[in-house]
Amino acid sequence: MTQSMTWIRLAKVADIPEDEGLEIQLGTQELALFKEGENVFCLENSCPHRGAALAEGRIQDGEVICPWHGWRFSLSNGACSSLPTSEPAACFETRIENGEVLVRLPEEPTKE
C-alpha cells in the first residue's frame, strides 16, 4: 500500500530567518524550515541522535548544526555528515508559490 502525499502551505518565505530555522507545529508533527539563499528546506524538528530541536541549530555550508551536540545534517537530504552511519533526519520536499512555502507531507491515515 502506498502512502498518499499532500502539499501543505506552512509559512511565508520572508518569515524564515537566514541563519537558523523556523519551527512549525503541524498537529502532532514538529517541522523545521530553513532558508539558504533562494532555497527552502524542511526537516523533522528532532535530531535523530538525542531529539534536540533542529530549528534552534545554525546553518553552515548546506547543513544544520544540532544545538546540543554539534551533529551536522544535510538540508537537502537529512544525511548526517558527523556520523555517516547514523540515522538521517527526516527530510520533506518543498516548493515556493507566491512567496509561500509548501511542503509535501504524508497524509495522516483516517479512522473509520
C-alpha atoms as a PDB file:
ATOM      1  CA  MET A   1       0.000   0.000   0.000  1.00  0.00           C
ATOM      2  CA  THR A   2       1.423   3.388  -0.965  1.00  0.00           C
ATOM      3  CA  GLN A   3       1.075   6.340   1.317  1.00  0.00           C
ATOM      4  CA  SER A   4      -0.778   9.352  -0.029  1.00  0.00           C
ATOM      5  CA  MET A   5       1.116  12.651  -0.044  1.00  0.00           C
ATOM      6  CA  THR A   6      -0.263  16.165   0.051  1.00  0.00           C
ATOM      7  CA  TRP A   7       1.167  19.692  -0.297  1.00  0.00           C
ATOM      8  CA  ILE A   8       0.624  21.865   2.783  1.00  0.00           C
ATOM      9  CA  ARG A   9       1.196  25.626   2.978  1.00  0.00           C
ATOM     10  CA  LEU A  10       3.354  26.255   6.076  1.00  0.00           C
ATOM     11  CA  ALA A  11       4.844  29.753   6.112  1.00  0.00           C
ATOM     12  CA  LYS A  12       5.934  32.788   4.150  1.00  0.00           C
ATOM     13  CA  VAL A  13       9.491  32.647   2.851  1.00  0.00           C
ATOM     14  CA  ALA A  14      10.087  36.082   4.418  1.00  0.00           C
ATOM     15  CA  ASP A  15       9.327  34.638   7.883  1.00  0.00           C
ATOM     16  CA  ILE A  16      12.234  32.167   7.771  1.00  0.00           C
ATOM     17  CA  PRO A  17      15.473  33.536   9.307  1.00  0.00           C
ATOM     18  CA  GLU A  18      18.666  33.383   7.229  1.00  0.00           C
ATOM     19  CA  ASP A  19      20.960  31.651   9.748  1.00  0.00           C
ATOM     20  CA  GLU A  20      18.611  29.397  11.704  1.00  0.00           C
ATOM     21  CA  GLY A  21      15.358  27.531  11.360  1.00  0.00           C
ATOM     22  CA  LEU A  22      11.694  28.318  11.812  1.00  0.00           C
ATOM     23  CA  GLU A  23       9.816  25.844  13.988  1.00  0.00           C
ATOM     24  CA  ILE A  24       6.371  24.844  12.709  1.00  0.00           C
ATOM     25  CA  GLN A  25       3.881  22.798  14.727  1.00  0.00           C
ATOM     26  CA  LEU A  26       1.501  20.878  12.457  1.00  0.00           C
ATOM     27  CA  GLY A  27      -0.841  18.757  14.539  1.00  0.00           C
ATOM     28  CA  THR A  28       1.428  16.362  16.417  1.00  0.00           C
ATOM     29  CA  GLN A  29       4.308  16.836  13.974  1.00  0.00           C
ATOM     30  CA  GLU A  30       7.101  19.368  14.533  1.00  0.00           C
ATOM     31  CA  LEU A  31       8.888  20.622  11.443  1.00  0.00           C
ATOM     32  CA  ALA A  32      11.842  22.939  10.886  1.00  0.00           C
ATOM     33  CA  LEU A  33      12.052  25.204   7.843  1.00  0.00           C
ATOM     34  CA  PHE A  34      15.439  26.507   6.738  1.00  0.00           C
ATOM     35  CA  LYS A  35      16.362  29.071   4.099  1.00  0.00           C
ATOM     36  CA  GLU A  36      19.719  29.084   2.378  1.00  0.00           C
ATOM     37  CA  GLY A  37      19.980  31.558  -0.456  1.00  0.00           C
ATOM     38  CA  GLU A  38      16.894  31.138  -2.642  1.00  0.00           C
ATOM     39  CA  ASN A  39      16.233  27.588  -1.421  1.00  0.00           C
ATOM     40  CA  VAL A  40      13.946  26.465   1.389  1.00  0.00           C
ATOM     41  CA  PHE A  41      14.297  23.098   3.104  1.00  0.00           C
ATOM     42  CA  CYS A  42      12.126  21.178   5.558  1.00  0.00           C
ATOM     43  CA  LEU A  43      13.350  18.658   8.122  1.00  0.00           C
ATOM     44  CA  GLU A  44      11.649  16.999  11.024  1.00  0.00           C
ATOM     45  CA  ASN A  45      12.418  19.229  14.018  1.00  0.00           C
ATOM     46  CA  SER A  46      14.020  16.455  16.041  1.00  0.00           C
ATOM     47  CA  CYS A  47      17.650  15.417  15.875  1.00  0.00           C
ATOM     48  CA  PRO A  48      17.786  11.621  15.392  1.00  0.00           C
ATOM     49  CA  HIS A  49      20.677  11.489  17.905  1.00  0.00           C
ATOM     50  CA  ARG A  50      19.040  12.877  21.077  1.00  0.00           C
ATOM     51  CA  GLY A  51      15.896  14.729  19.973  1.00  0.00           C
ATOM     52  CA  ALA A  52      17.144  18.336  20.056  1.00  0.00           C
ATOM     53  CA  ALA A  53      15.092  20.905  18.131  1.00  0.00           C
ATOM     54  CA  LEU A  54      16.975  21.303  14.853  1.00  0.00           C
ATOM     55  CA  ALA A  55      15.216  24.642  14.223  1.00  0.00           C
ATOM     56  CA  GLU A  56      17.380  26.036  17.035  1.00  0.00           C
ATOM     57  CA  GLY A  57      20.563  25.000  15.218  1.00  0.00           C
ATOM     58  CA  ARG A  58      22.553  27.218  12.892  1.00  0.00           C
ATOM     59  CA  ILE A  59      23.056  26.741   9.166  1.00  0.00           C
ATOM     60  CA  GLN A  60      26.512  26.332   7.680  1.00  0.00           C
ATOM     61  CA  ASP A  61      27.590  25.002   4.267  1.00  0.00           C
ATOM     62  CA  GLY A  62      24.238  23.414   3.396  1.00  0.00           C
ATOM     63  CA  GLU A  63      23.814  21.734   6.771  1.00  0.00           C
ATOM     64  CA  VAL A  64      22.052  22.448  10.042  1.00  0.00           C
ATOM     65  CA  ILE A  65      24.217  22.008  13.136  1.00  0.00           C
ATOM     66  CA  CYS A  66      22.378  20.427  16.066  1.00  0.00           C
ATOM     67  CA  PRO A  67      22.356  22.834  19.030  1.00  0.00           C
ATOM     68  CA  TRP A  68      23.042  20.096  21.597  1.00  0.00           C
ATOM     69  CA  HIS A  69      25.975  18.024  20.314  1.00  0.00           C
ATOM     70  CA  GLY A  70      27.037  19.695  17.062  1.00  0.00           C
ATOM     71  CA  TRP A  71      25.997  16.877  14.746  1.00  0.00           C
ATOM     72  CA  ARG A  72      25.527  18.138  11.181  1.00  0.00           C
ATOM     73  CA  PHE A  73      22.576  17.224   8.940  1.00  0.00           C
ATOM     74  CA  SER A  74      22.226  17.986   5.238  1.00  0.00           C
ATOM     75  CA  LEU A  75      19.386  20.391   4.491  1.00  0.00           C
ATOM     76  CA  SER A  76      18.724  18.686   1.161  1.00  0.00           C
ATOM     77  CA  ASN A  77      18.512  15.030   2.235  1.00  0.00           C
ATOM     78  CA  GLY A  78      18.870  14.843   6.041  1.00  0.00           C
ATOM     79  CA  ALA A  79      22.095  12.791   5.929  1.00  0.00           C
ATOM     80  CA  CYS A  80      24.401  13.163   8.928  1.00  0.00           C
ATOM     81  CA  SER A  81      27.960  14.120   7.939  1.00  0.00           C
ATOM     82  CA  SER A  82      29.184  13.947  11.549  1.00  0.00           C
ATOM     83  CA  LEU A  83      28.495  10.224  11.773  1.00  0.00           C
ATOM     84  CA  PRO A  84      27.544   8.914   8.312  1.00  0.00           C
ATOM     85  CA  THR A  85      26.265   5.597   9.683  1.00  0.00           C
ATOM     86  CA  SER A  86      23.700   7.336  11.916  1.00  0.00           C
ATOM     87  CA  GLU A  87      20.036   7.691  11.096  1.00  0.00           C
ATOM     88  CA  PRO A  88      19.311  10.695   8.854  1.00  0.00           C
ATOM     89  CA  ALA A  89      16.926  13.464   9.860  1.00  0.00           C
ATOM     90  CA  ALA A  90      13.572  13.101   8.104  1.00  0.00           C
ATOM     91  CA  CYS A  91      13.503  15.443   5.115  1.00  0.00           C
ATOM     92  CA  PHE A  92      10.480  16.660   3.134  1.00  0.00           C
ATOM     93  CA  GLU A  93      10.114  18.087  -0.375  1.00  0.00           C
ATOM     94  CA  THR A  94       9.394  21.827  -0.583  1.00  0.00           C
ATOM     95  CA  ARG A  95       8.323  24.317  -3.210  1.00  0.00           C
ATOM     96  CA  ILE A  96       7.668  28.049  -3.200  1.00  0.00           C
ATOM     97  CA  GLU A  97       4.499  29.602  -4.616  1.00  0.00           C
ATOM     98  CA  ASN A  98       3.744  33.316  -4.426  1.00  0.00           C
ATOM     99  CA  GLY A  99       6.265  33.828  -1.612  1.00  0.00           C
ATOM    100  CA  GLU A 100       4.879  30.971   0.482  1.00  0.00           C
ATOM    101  CA  VAL A 101       6.477  27.647   1.372  1.00  0.00           C
ATOM    102  CA  LEU A 102       4.604  24.453   0.600  1.00  0.00           C
ATOM    103  CA  VAL A 103       5.813  21.132   1.968  1.00  0.00           C
ATOM    104  CA  ARG A 104       4.856  17.698   0.688  1.00  0.00           C
ATOM    105  CA  LEU A 105       3.897  15.536   3.663  1.00  0.00           C
ATOM    106  CA  PRO A 106       2.315  12.122   4.091  1.00  0.00           C
ATOM    107  CA  GLU A 107      -1.390  12.317   4.826  1.00  0.00           C
ATOM    108  CA  GLU A 108      -2.470  11.105   8.232  1.00  0.00           C
ATOM    109  CA  PRO A 109      -4.492   7.888   7.963  1.00  0.00           C
ATOM    110  CA  THR A 110      -8.161   8.442   8.653  1.00  0.00           C
ATOM    111  CA  LYS A 111     -10.009   6.345  11.222  1.00  0.00           C
ATOM    112  CA  GLU A 112     -13.183   4.654  10.091  1.00  0.00           C
END
